[in-house]
Amino acid sequence: MAWATEHVAGRFKGLDTWNTGDVLEALWGGQSRALAACVAALPALERSVDRAVARLGAGDGKLVYAGAGSSGLIAALDAAELSPTFGWPASRLAVLAAGGLDFSRPCDQGAEDDAAAGRASAAALGPDDVVIGISASGASPFTLAVIGEARNLGALTVALTSAADGALVRAAEDKLIVPTGAEVIAGSTRLGAGTAQKVMLNLFSTALMVGLGLVFDNLMLNVQADNAKLRQRRAGIVAAIAGVDAATAADALARHGDVKRAVLALAGLAGAEIDSALARSGGNLRAALHQVRR
């Protein structure tokens, strides 16, 4: 089968003889087309995010990424940022990458064809989980097997692909199709298709975290304060939400340990009341503050 991502575009013939400026302009054009192609997928992305929020917000299910080669690496990059940025628990996050993840060596290209490994890696998934499979061609046997098995086990499955007619689209419930077309360098989906994957995953996971209550206004409630800059940022977040100065915010954080508890303490709640307010609101700070202020 000839996939659009493998098409050899005639307009780039002789690329190796072009001057560097022309090569860069061609590559930029490919990236620009990839970004533009994401826009039409936003309505489908909205539906998938809302479904994922409902699924993950109702229990303790996992957010799972599955991919092979460049797609697996891009998925791993998106997943790696969720815990430090939003405090998403590592226990509720998984990356199923063909051949595993070892950044000290090149990707195991042959692992992409291992459907049995894909099925095995998905065996522990279930109805509480959300699984997003990433494949530019929509034909990676490993990724197809993960999505197929996950769907059989009741998980919400999402396809992210550049191929509208790929098998991945048929395998998953939700379809995020970004037709990026022929690559400047034929078949190198680390280029346009990879850019579209990075953008779509970034949008998906960020909107998901917002929907799950891990953001207040446009502030990161659970940012992990592991260095001086992040400790200062966290104090600034408390100050902005609670309407206090930085010193008061820092003191509240020192006393209560995290942004939500510090804000609720500054709103007038004692320790036990803070725990009760968070429990009643399902951990949602805005809902907890509404209870306090009404």
C-alpha atoms as a PDB file:
ATOM      1  CA  MET A   1       0.000   0.000   0.000  1.00  0.00           C
ATOM      2  CA  ALA A   2       1.340   3.486  -0.861  1.00  0.00           C
ATOM      3  CA  TRP A   3       0.893   5.884   2.065  1.00  0.00           C
ATOM      4  CA  ALA A   4       0.751   9.640   1.536  1.00  0.00           C
ATOM      5  CA  THR A   5       3.616  10.060   3.983  1.00  0.00           C
ATOM      6  CA  GLU A   6       5.804   7.929   1.686  1.00  0.00           C
ATOM      7  CA  HIS A   7       5.007   9.896  -1.491  1.00  0.00           C
ATOM      8  CA  VAL A   8       8.019  11.292  -3.349  1.00  0.00           C
ATOM      9  CA  ALA A   9       7.119  14.888  -4.207  1.00  0.00           C
ATOM     10  CA  GLY A  10       8.563  15.951  -7.547  1.00  0.00           C
ATOM     11  CA  ARG A  11       8.938  19.576  -6.497  1.00  0.00           C
ATOM     12  CA  PHE A  12      11.792  18.617  -4.185  1.00  0.00           C
ATOM     13  CA  LYS A  13      13.771  16.741  -6.833  1.00  0.00           C
ATOM     14  CA  GLY A  14      17.435  17.728  -6.691  1.00  0.00           C
ATOM     15  CA  LEU A  15      17.120  18.911  -3.065  1.00  0.00           C
ATOM     16  CA  ASP A  16      20.687  17.853  -2.375  1.00  0.00           C
ATOM     17  CA  THR A  17      21.931  20.330  -5.004  1.00  0.00           C
ATOM     18  CA  TRP A  18      20.047  23.331  -3.612  1.00  0.00           C
ATOM     19  CA  ASN A  19      21.710  26.041  -1.573  1.00  0.00           C
ATOM     20  CA  THR A  20      21.102  25.966   2.159  1.00  0.00           C
ATOM     21  CA  GLY A  21      18.662  28.868   2.125  1.00  0.00           C
ATOM     22  CA  ASP A  22      16.408  27.134  -0.401  1.00  0.00           C
ATOM     23  CA  VAL A  23      16.555  23.878   1.579  1.00  0.00           C
ATOM     24  CA  LEU A  24      15.544  25.711   4.737  1.00  0.00           C
ATOM     25  CA  GLU A  25      12.677  27.462   2.953  1.00  0.00           C
ATOM     26  CA  ALA A  26      11.419  24.100   1.673  1.00  0.00           C
ATOM     27  CA  LEU A  27      11.626  22.576   5.135  1.00  0.00           C
ATOM     28  CA  TRP A  28       9.872  25.589   6.653  1.00  0.00           C
ATOM     29  CA  GLY A  29       7.127  25.263   4.062  1.00  0.00           C
ATOM     30  CA  GLY A  30       6.599  21.655   5.081  1.00  0.00           C
ATOM     31  CA  GLN A  31       6.399  22.614   8.749  1.00  0.00           C
ATOM     32  CA  SER A  32       3.953  25.418   7.981  1.00  0.00           C
ATOM     33  CA  ARG A  33       1.690  23.073   6.023  1.00  0.00           C
ATOM     34  CA  ALA A  34       1.767  20.627   8.930  1.00  0.00           C
ATOM     35  CA  LEU A  35       0.684  23.311  11.382  1.00  0.00           C
ATOM     36  CA  ALA A  36      -2.097  24.485   9.081  1.00  0.00           C
ATOM     37  CA  ALA A  37      -3.351  20.924   8.702  1.00  0.00           C
ATOM     38  CA  CYS A  38      -3.965  20.719  12.467  1.00  0.00           C
ATOM     39  CA  VAL A  39      -6.676  23.390  12.402  1.00  0.00           C
ATOM     40  CA  ALA A  40      -9.301  21.227  10.703  1.00  0.00           C
ATOM     41  CA  ALA A  41      -8.793  18.545  13.368  1.00  0.00           C
ATOM     42  CA  LEU A  42      -9.636  20.843  16.296  1.00  0.00           C
ATOM     43  CA  PRO A  43     -13.357  19.887  16.504  1.00  0.00           C
ATOM     44  CA  ALA A  44     -12.447  16.188  16.658  1.00  0.00           C
ATOM     45  CA  LEU A  45      -9.746  17.000  19.196  1.00  0.00           C
ATOM     46  CA  GLU A  46     -12.283  18.840  21.348  1.00  0.00           C
ATOM     47  CA  ARG A  47     -14.557  15.791  21.421  1.00  0.00           C
ATOM     48  CA  SER A  48     -11.688  13.490  22.330  1.00  0.00           C
ATOM     49  CA  VAL A  49     -10.455  15.743  25.124  1.00  0.00           C
ATOM     50  CA  ASP A  50     -13.951  15.994  26.610  1.00  0.00           C
ATOM     51  CA  ARG A  51     -14.353  12.217  26.483  1.00  0.00           C
ATOM     52  CA  ALA A  52     -10.941  11.724  28.053  1.00  0.00           C
ATOM     53  CA  VAL A  53     -11.750  14.200  30.845  1.00  0.00           C
ATOM     54  CA  ALA A  54     -14.944  12.301  31.628  1.00  0.00           C
ATOM     55  CA  ARG A  55     -13.117   8.965  31.658  1.00  0.00           C
ATOM     56  CA  LEU A  56     -10.059   9.994  33.689  1.00  0.00           C
ATOM     57  CA  GLY A  57     -11.960  12.330  35.996  1.00  0.00           C
ATOM     58  CA  ALA A  58     -14.318   9.575  37.111  1.00  0.00           C
ATOM     59  CA  GLY A  59     -11.705   7.192  38.487  1.00  0.00           C
ATOM     60  CA  ASP A  60      -8.022   6.382  38.660  1.00  0.00           C
ATOM     61  CA  GLY A  61      -7.465   5.286  35.073  1.00  0.00           C
ATOM     62  CA  LYS A  62      -4.267   5.846  33.129  1.00  0.00           C
ATOM     63  CA  LEU A  63      -3.401   8.116  30.234  1.00  0.00           C
ATOM     64  CA  VAL A  64      -1.478   5.881  27.831  1.00  0.00           C
ATOM     65  CA  TYR A  65       0.518   6.793  24.726  1.00  0.00           C
ATOM     66  CA  ALA A  66       1.461   4.188  22.113  1.00  0.00           C
ATOM     67  CA  GLY A  67       3.786   4.568  19.147  1.00  0.00           C
ATOM     68  CA  ALA A  68       6.802   3.305  17.249  1.00  0.00           C
ATOM     69  CA  GLY A  69       9.934   5.051  15.992  1.00  0.00           C
ATOM     70  CA  SER A  70       9.659   8.848  15.817  1.00  0.00           C
ATOM     71  CA  SER A  71       6.019   8.688  16.899  1.00  0.00           C
ATOM     72  CA  GLY A  72       6.983   6.811  20.059  1.00  0.00           C
ATOM     73  CA  LEU A  73       9.685   9.359  20.886  1.00  0.00           C
ATOM     74  CA  ILE A  74       7.324  12.298  20.344  1.00  0.00           C
ATOM     75  CA  ALA A  75       4.743  10.585  22.567  1.00  0.00           C
ATOM     76  CA  ALA A  76       7.342  10.027  25.279  1.00  0.00           C
ATOM     77  CA  LEU A  77       8.323  13.704  25.171  1.00  0.00           C
ATOM     78  CA  ASP A  78       4.730  14.817  25.682  1.00  0.00           C
ATOM     79  CA  ALA A  79       4.167  12.322  28.483  1.00  0.00           C
ATOM     80  CA  ALA A  80       7.395  13.238  30.282  1.00  0.00           C
ATOM     81  CA  GLU A  81       6.236  16.813  30.865  1.00  0.00           C
ATOM     82  CA  LEU A  82       2.894  16.033  32.509  1.00  0.00           C
ATOM     83  CA  SER A  83       4.101  15.185  36.001  1.00  0.00           C
ATOM     84  CA  PRO A  84       6.482  18.132  36.532  1.00  0.00           C
ATOM     85  CA  THR A  85       4.154  20.638  34.867  1.00  0.00           C
ATOM     86  CA  PHE A  86       0.740  19.542  36.100  1.00  0.00           C
ATOM     87  CA  GLY A  87       1.461  17.058  38.873  1.00  0.00           C
ATOM     88  CA  TRP A  88      -0.194  14.250  36.910  1.00  0.00           C
ATOM     89  CA  PRO A  89       0.699  11.065  38.855  1.00  0.00           C
ATOM     90  CA  ALA A  90       3.370   8.894  37.257  1.00  0.00           C
ATOM     91  CA  SER A  91       1.305   5.892  38.376  1.00  0.00           C
ATOM     92  CA  ARG A  92      -1.455   7.058  36.010  1.00  0.00           C
ATOM     93  CA  LEU A  93       0.774   7.521  32.979  1.00  0.00           C
ATOM     94  CA  ALA A  94       2.332   5.066  30.538  1.00  0.00           C
ATOM     95  CA  VAL A  95       4.211   5.169  27.241  1.00  0.00           C
ATOM     96  CA  LEU A  96       4.027   1.970  25.212  1.00  0.00           C
ATOM     97  CA  ALA A  97       6.835   2.384  22.683  1.00  0.00           C
ATOM     98  CA  ALA A  98       7.833  -0.353  20.250  1.00  0.00           C
ATOM     99  CA  GLY A  99      11.132  -1.785  21.451  1.00  0.00           C
ATOM    100  CA  GLY A 100      10.969   0.207  24.691  1.00  0.00           C
ATOM    101  CA  LEU A 101      12.494   3.578  25.469  1.00  0.00           C
ATOM    102  CA  ASP A 102      16.268   3.807  25.672  1.00  0.00           C
ATOM    103  CA  PHE A 103      17.611   7.211  24.648  1.00  0.00           C
ATOM    104  CA  SER A 104      21.193   5.933  24.677  1.00  0.00           C
ATOM    105  CA  ARG A 105      20.604   4.033  21.416  1.00  0.00           C
ATOM    106  CA  PRO A 106      18.708   4.515  18.153  1.00  0.00           C
ATOM    107  CA  CYS A 107      15.105   3.332  17.910  1.00  0.00           C
ATOM    108  CA  ASP A 108      14.651  -0.359  17.185  1.00  0.00           C
ATOM    109  CA  GLN A 109      12.983   0.020  13.803  1.00  0.00           C
ATOM    110  CA  GLY A 110      12.147  -3.681  13.571  1.00  0.00           C
ATOM    111  CA  ALA A 111      10.084  -3.522  16.763  1.00  0.00           C
ATOM    112  CA  GLU A 112       7.427  -1.566  14.871  1.00  0.00           C
ATOM    113  CA  ASP A 113       6.331  -4.804  13.176  1.00  0.00           C
ATOM    114  CA  ASP A 114       5.882  -6.720  16.454  1.00  0.00           C
ATOM    115  CA  ALA A 115       2.105  -6.872  16.830  1.00  0.00           C
ATOM    116  CA  ALA A 116       2.367  -9.545  19.531  1.00  0.00           C
ATOM    117  CA  ALA A 117       4.418  -7.175  21.695  1.00  0.00           C
ATOM    118  CA  GLY A 118       1.792  -4.492  21.155  1.00  0.00           C
ATOM    119  CA  ARG A 119      -1.010  -6.759  22.316  1.00  0.00           C
ATOM    120  CA  ALA A 120       1.013  -7.896  25.329  1.00  0.00           C
ATOM    121  CA  SER A 121       1.861  -4.337  26.381  1.00  0.00           C
ATOM    122  CA  ALA A 122      -1.846  -3.452  26.386  1.00  0.00           C
ATOM    123  CA  ALA A 123      -2.996  -6.517  28.301  1.00  0.00           C
ATOM    124  CA  ALA A 124      -3.326  -4.720  31.652  1.00  0.00           C
ATOM    125  CA  LEU A 125      -5.465  -1.861  30.318  1.00  0.00           C
ATOM    126  CA  GLY A 126      -9.167  -1.497  31.023  1.00  0.00           C
ATOM    127  CA  PRO A 127     -12.316   0.647  30.889  1.00  0.00           C
ATOM    128  CA  ASP A 128     -10.900   3.435  33.074  1.00  0.00           C
ATOM    129  CA  ASP A 129      -8.001   4.116  30.698  1.00  0.00           C
ATOM    130  CA  VAL A 130      -7.483   6.466  27.751  1.00  0.00           C
ATOM    131  CA  VAL A 131      -5.083   5.249  25.058  1.00  0.00           C
ATOM    132  CA  ILE A 132      -3.825   7.432  22.221  1.00  0.00           C
ATOM    133  CA  GLY A 133      -2.065   5.661  19.372  1.00  0.00           C
ATOM    134  CA  ILE A 134       0.282   7.722  17.204  1.00  0.00           C
ATOM    135  CA  SER A 135       1.288   6.618  13.701  1.00  0.00           C
ATOM    136  CA  ALA A 136       1.875   8.906  10.727  1.00  0.00           C
ATOM    137  CA  SER A 137       0.966   6.193   8.201  1.00  0.00           C
ATOM    138  CA  GLY A 138      -1.701   4.671  10.426  1.00  0.00           C
ATOM    139  CA  ALA A 139      -0.187   1.285   9.659  1.00  0.00           C
ATOM    140  CA  SER A 140       2.309   0.492  12.444  1.00  0.00           C
ATOM    141  CA  PRO A 141       1.544  -3.123  13.494  1.00  0.00           C
ATOM    142  CA  PHE A 142       2.717  -2.492  17.071  1.00  0.00           C
ATOM    143  CA  THR A 143       0.526   0.588  17.511  1.00  0.00           C
ATOM    144  CA  LEU A 144      -2.439  -1.037  15.783  1.00  0.00           C
ATOM    145  CA  ALA A 145      -2.178  -4.002  18.133  1.00  0.00           C
ATOM    146  CA  VAL A 146      -2.066  -1.769  21.225  1.00  0.00           C
ATOM    147  CA  ILE A 147      -5.151   0.151  20.100  1.00  0.00           C
ATOM    148  CA  GLY A 148      -7.032  -2.983  19.073  1.00  0.00           C
ATOM    149  CA  GLU A 149      -6.363  -4.761  22.364  1.00  0.00           C
ATOM    150  CA  ALA A 150      -7.089  -1.644  24.430  1.00  0.00           C
ATOM    151  CA  ARG A 151     -10.420  -1.159  22.676  1.00  0.00           C
ATOM    152  CA  ASN A 152     -11.334  -4.804  23.239  1.00  0.00           C
ATOM    153  CA  LEU A 153     -10.641  -4.271  26.947  1.00  0.00           C
ATOM    154  CA  GLY A 154     -12.966  -1.257  27.096  1.00  0.00           C
ATOM    155  CA  ALA A 155     -10.445   1.605  27.113  1.00  0.00           C
ATOM    156  CA  LEU A 156     -11.188   4.839  25.263  1.00  0.00           C
ATOM    157  CA  THR A 157      -8.963   4.690  22.181  1.00  0.00           C
ATOM    158  CA  VAL A 158      -7.798   7.654  20.101  1.00  0.00           C
ATOM    159  CA  ALA A 159      -5.933   7.553  16.771  1.00  0.00           C
ATOM    160  CA  LEU A 160      -3.543  10.355  15.827  1.00  0.00           C
ATOM    161  CA  THR A 161      -2.443   9.928  12.232  1.00  0.00           C
ATOM    162  CA  SER A 162      -1.750  11.649   8.930  1.00  0.00           C
ATOM    163  CA  ALA A 163      -3.560   8.937   6.965  1.00  0.00           C
ATOM    164  CA  ALA A 164      -7.343   9.249   6.679  1.00  0.00           C
ATOM    165  CA  ASP A 165      -7.563   5.771   5.153  1.00  0.00           C
ATOM    166  CA  GLY A 166      -5.077   4.073   7.479  1.00  0.00           C
ATOM    167  CA  ALA A 167      -5.913   1.027   9.555  1.00  0.00           C
ATOM    168  CA  LEU A 168      -5.410   2.996  12.777  1.00  0.00           C
ATOM    169  CA  VAL A 169      -8.415   5.163  11.955  1.00  0.00           C
ATOM    170  CA  ARG A 170     -10.577   2.057  11.690  1.00  0.00           C
ATOM    171  CA  ALA A 171      -9.141   0.535  14.866  1.00  0.00           C
ATOM    172  CA  ALA A 172      -9.765   3.456  17.252  1.00  0.00           C
ATOM    173  CA  GLU A 173     -12.996   4.997  18.494  1.00  0.00           C
ATOM    174  CA  ASP A 174     -11.835   8.600  18.168  1.00  0.00           C
ATOM    175  CA  LYS A 175      -9.972   9.775  15.094  1.00  0.00           C
ATOM    176  CA  LEU A 176      -7.581  12.724  14.974  1.00  0.00           C
ATOM    177  CA  ILE A 177      -6.577  12.957  11.320  1.00  0.00           C
ATOM    178  CA  VAL A 178      -4.019  15.539  10.248  1.00  0.00           C
ATOM    179  CA  PRO A 179      -3.249  15.054   6.516  1.00  0.00           C
ATOM    180  CA  THR A 180       0.259  16.507   6.323  1.00  0.00           C
ATOM    181  CA  GLY A 181       0.927  15.017   2.882  1.00  0.00           C
ATOM    182  CA  ALA A 182       4.284  14.306   1.275  1.00  0.00           C
ATOM    183  CA  GLU A 183       7.395  15.098   3.278  1.00  0.00           C
ATOM    184  CA  VAL A 184      10.145  17.307   1.896  1.00  0.00           C
ATOM    185  CA  ILE A 185      12.452  14.318   2.372  1.00  0.00           C
ATOM    186  CA  ALA A 186      10.267  11.429   1.249  1.00  0.00           C
ATOM    187  CA  GLY A 187       9.072   9.220   4.081  1.00  0.00           C
ATOM    188  CA  SER A 188      10.848  11.148   6.848  1.00  0.00           C
ATOM    189  CA  THR A 189       7.887  11.617   9.151  1.00  0.00           C
ATOM    190  CA  ARG A 190      10.066  13.249  11.789  1.00  0.00           C
ATOM    191  CA  LEU A 191       9.446  16.352   9.655  1.00  0.00           C
ATOM    192  CA  GLY A 192       5.905  17.576   8.838  1.00  0.00           C
ATOM    193  CA  ALA A 193       3.993  14.622  10.280  1.00  0.00           C
ATOM    194  CA  GLY A 194       6.147  14.730  13.414  1.00  0.00           C
ATOM    195  CA  THR A 195       5.467  18.428  13.876  1.00  0.00           C
ATOM    196  CA  ALA A 196       1.723  17.812  13.591  1.00  0.00           C
ATOM    197  CA  GLN A 197       1.964  14.994  16.132  1.00  0.00           C
ATOM    198  CA  LYS A 198       3.875  17.206  18.568  1.00  0.00           C
ATOM    199  CA  VAL A 199       1.312  20.008  18.226  1.00  0.00           C
ATOM    200  CA  MET A 200      -1.728  17.736  18.516  1.00  0.00           C
ATOM    201  CA  LEU A 201      -0.382  15.846  21.524  1.00  0.00           C
ATOM    202  CA  ASN A 202       0.564  19.115  23.216  1.00  0.00           C
ATOM    203  CA  LEU A 203      -2.954  20.452  22.666  1.00  0.00           C
ATOM    204  CA  PHE A 204      -4.587  17.179  23.731  1.00  0.00           C
ATOM    205  CA  SER A 205      -2.652  16.730  26.970  1.00  0.00           C
ATOM    206  CA  THR A 206      -2.721  20.398  27.983  1.00  0.00           C
ATOM    207  CA  ALA A 207      -6.463  20.759  27.405  1.00  0.00           C
ATOM    208  CA  LEU A 208      -6.939  17.459  29.251  1.00  0.00           C
ATOM    209  CA  MET A 209      -5.045  18.755  32.287  1.00  0.00           C
ATOM    210  CA  VAL A 210      -7.123  21.951  32.239  1.00  0.00           C
ATOM    211  CA  GLY A 211     -10.317  19.918  32.043  1.00  0.00           C
ATOM    212  CA  LEU A 212      -9.238  17.774  34.981  1.00  0.00           C
ATOM    213  CA  GLY A 213      -8.858  20.853  37.218  1.00  0.00           C
ATOM    214  CA  LEU A 214      -5.065  20.968  37.321  1.00  0.00           C
ATOM    215  CA  VAL A 215      -5.029  24.597  36.144  1.00  0.00           C
ATOM    216  CA  PHE A 216      -6.622  27.640  37.814  1.00  0.00           C
ATOM    217  CA  ASP A 217      -7.153  30.554  35.441  1.00  0.00           C
ATOM    218  CA  ASN A 218      -4.029  29.981  33.354  1.00  0.00           C
ATOM    219  CA  LEU A 219      -1.794  28.988  36.286  1.00  0.00           C
ATOM    220  CA  MET A 220      -0.247  25.579  36.963  1.00  0.00           C
ATOM    221  CA  LEU A 221      -1.582  24.423  40.318  1.00  0.00           C
ATOM    222  CA  ASN A 222       0.668  21.412  40.768  1.00  0.00           C
ATOM    223  CA  VAL A 223       3.934  22.560  39.215  1.00  0.00           C
ATOM    224  CA  GLN A 224       6.791  20.633  40.844  1.00  0.00           C
ATOM    225  CA  ALA A 225       9.012  23.198  42.573  1.00  0.00           C
ATOM    226  CA  ASP A 226      12.365  21.463  42.181  1.00  0.00           C
ATOM    227  CA  ASN A 227      14.541  24.539  41.673  1.00  0.00           C
ATOM    228  CA  ALA A 228      14.690  28.184  42.721  1.00  0.00           C
ATOM    229  CA  LYS A 229      12.893  29.466  39.630  1.00  0.00           C
ATOM    230  CA  LEU A 230      10.003  27.024  40.112  1.00  0.00           C
ATOM    231  CA  ARG A 231       9.742  27.746  43.832  1.00  0.00           C
ATOM    232  CA  GLN A 232       9.434  31.426  42.989  1.00  0.00           C
ATOM    233  CA  ARG A 233       6.839  30.627  40.327  1.00  0.00           C
ATOM    234  CA  ARG A 234       4.803  28.545  42.770  1.00  0.00           C
ATOM    235  CA  ALA A 235       4.790  31.358  45.324  1.00  0.00           C
ATOM    236  CA  GLY A 236       3.691  33.743  42.571  1.00  0.00           C
ATOM    237  CA  ILE A 237       0.810  31.409  41.709  1.00  0.00           C
ATOM    238  CA  VAL A 238      -0.399  31.391  45.313  1.00  0.00           C
ATOM    239  CA  ALA A 239      -0.043  35.172  45.510  1.00  0.00           C
ATOM    240  CA  ALA A 240      -2.027  35.678  42.299  1.00  0.00           C
ATOM    241  CA  ILE A 241      -4.900  33.398  43.283  1.00  0.00           C
ATOM    242  CA  ALA A 242      -5.124  34.452  46.932  1.00  0.00           C
ATOM    243  CA  GLY A 243      -4.463  38.147  46.307  1.00  0.00           C
ATOM    244  CA  VAL A 244      -1.543  38.392  48.754  1.00  0.00           C
ATOM    245  CA  ASP A 245       2.089  39.465  48.513  1.00  0.00           C
ATOM    246  CA  ALA A 246       4.914  37.067  47.671  1.00  0.00           C
ATOM    247  CA  ALA A 247       6.187  36.808  51.239  1.00  0.00           C
ATOM    248  CA  THR A 248       2.754  35.861  52.580  1.00  0.00           C
ATOM    249  CA  ALA A 249       2.356  33.319  49.779  1.00  0.00           C
ATOM    250  CA  ALA A 250       5.754  31.766  50.500  1.00  0.00           C
ATOM    251  CA  ASP A 251       4.911  31.513  54.198  1.00  0.00           C
ATOM    252  CA  ALA A 252       1.582  29.800  53.421  1.00  0.00           C
ATOM    253  CA  LEU A 253       3.372  27.320  51.148  1.00  0.00           C
ATOM    254  CA  ALA A 254       5.916  26.568  53.858  1.00  0.00           C
ATOM    255  CA  ARG A 255       3.113  25.907  56.313  1.00  0.00           C
ATOM    256  CA  HIS A 256       0.734  23.953  54.100  1.00  0.00           C
ATOM    257  CA  GLY A 257       2.937  22.309  51.475  1.00  0.00           C
ATOM    258  CA  ASP A 258       1.154  22.868  48.157  1.00  0.00           C
ATOM    259  CA  VAL A 259      -0.641  25.545  46.157  1.00  0.00           C
ATOM    260  CA  LYS A 260      -4.202  24.368  46.770  1.00  0.00           C
ATOM    261  CA  ARG A 261      -3.813  24.004  50.511  1.00  0.00           C
ATOM    262  CA  ALA A 262      -1.948  27.308  50.794  1.00  0.00           C
ATOM    263  CA  VAL A 263      -4.665  29.179  48.877  1.00  0.00           C
ATOM    264  CA  LEU A 264      -7.450  27.652  50.949  1.00  0.00           C
ATOM    265  CA  ALA A 265      -5.591  28.486  54.168  1.00  0.00           C
ATOM    266  CA  LEU A 266      -5.250  32.084  53.016  1.00  0.00           C
ATOM    267  CA  ALA A 267      -9.012  32.022  52.320  1.00  0.00           C
ATOM    268  CA  GLY A 268      -9.520  31.350  56.030  1.00  0.00           C
ATOM    269  CA  LEU A 269      -9.754  27.575  56.339  1.00  0.00           C
ATOM    270  CA  ALA A 270      -7.994  25.559  59.040  1.00  0.00           C
ATOM    271  CA  GLY A 271      -6.202  22.273  58.310  1.00  0.00           C
ATOM    272  CA  ALA A 272      -9.109  19.871  58.736  1.00  0.00           C
ATOM    273  CA  GLU A 273     -11.445  22.235  56.892  1.00  0.00           C
ATOM    274  CA  ILE A 274      -9.001  22.377  53.979  1.00  0.00           C
ATOM    275  CA  ASP A 275      -9.043  18.595  53.686  1.00  0.00           C
ATOM    276  CA  SER A 276     -12.851  18.534  53.796  1.00  0.00           C
ATOM    277  CA  ALA A 277     -13.202  21.280  51.189  1.00  0.00           C
ATOM    278  CA  LEU A 278     -10.841  19.512  48.795  1.00  0.00           C
ATOM    279  CA  ALA A 279     -12.567  16.179  49.361  1.00  0.00           C
ATOM    280  CA  ARG A 280     -16.014  17.654  48.649  1.00  0.00           C
ATOM    281  CA  SER A 281     -14.747  19.348  45.477  1.00  0.00           C
ATOM    282  CA  GLY A 282     -12.901  16.308  44.171  1.00  0.00           C
ATOM    283  CA  GLY A 283      -9.640  18.231  44.523  1.00  0.00           C
ATOM    284  CA  ASN A 284     -10.840  21.096  42.319  1.00  0.00           C
ATOM    285  CA  LEU A 285      -9.558  24.363  43.792  1.00  0.00           C
ATOM    286  CA  ARG A 286     -12.089  26.625  42.077  1.00  0.00           C
ATOM    287  CA  ALA A 287     -14.973  24.518  43.387  1.00  0.00           C
ATOM    288  CA  ALA A 288     -13.451  24.444  46.854  1.00  0.00           C
ATOM    289  CA  LEU A 289     -13.039  28.234  46.905  1.00  0.00           C
ATOM    290  CA  HIS A 290     -16.638  28.630  45.755  1.00  0.00           C
ATOM    291  CA  GLN A 291     -17.739  26.647  48.802  1.00  0.00           C
ATOM    292  CA  VAL A 292     -15.694  28.885  51.068  1.00  0.00           C
ATOM    293  CA  ARG A 293     -16.865  32.185  49.555  1.00  0.00           C
ATOM    294  CA  ARG A 294     -20.569  31.608  49.149  1.00  0.00           C
END
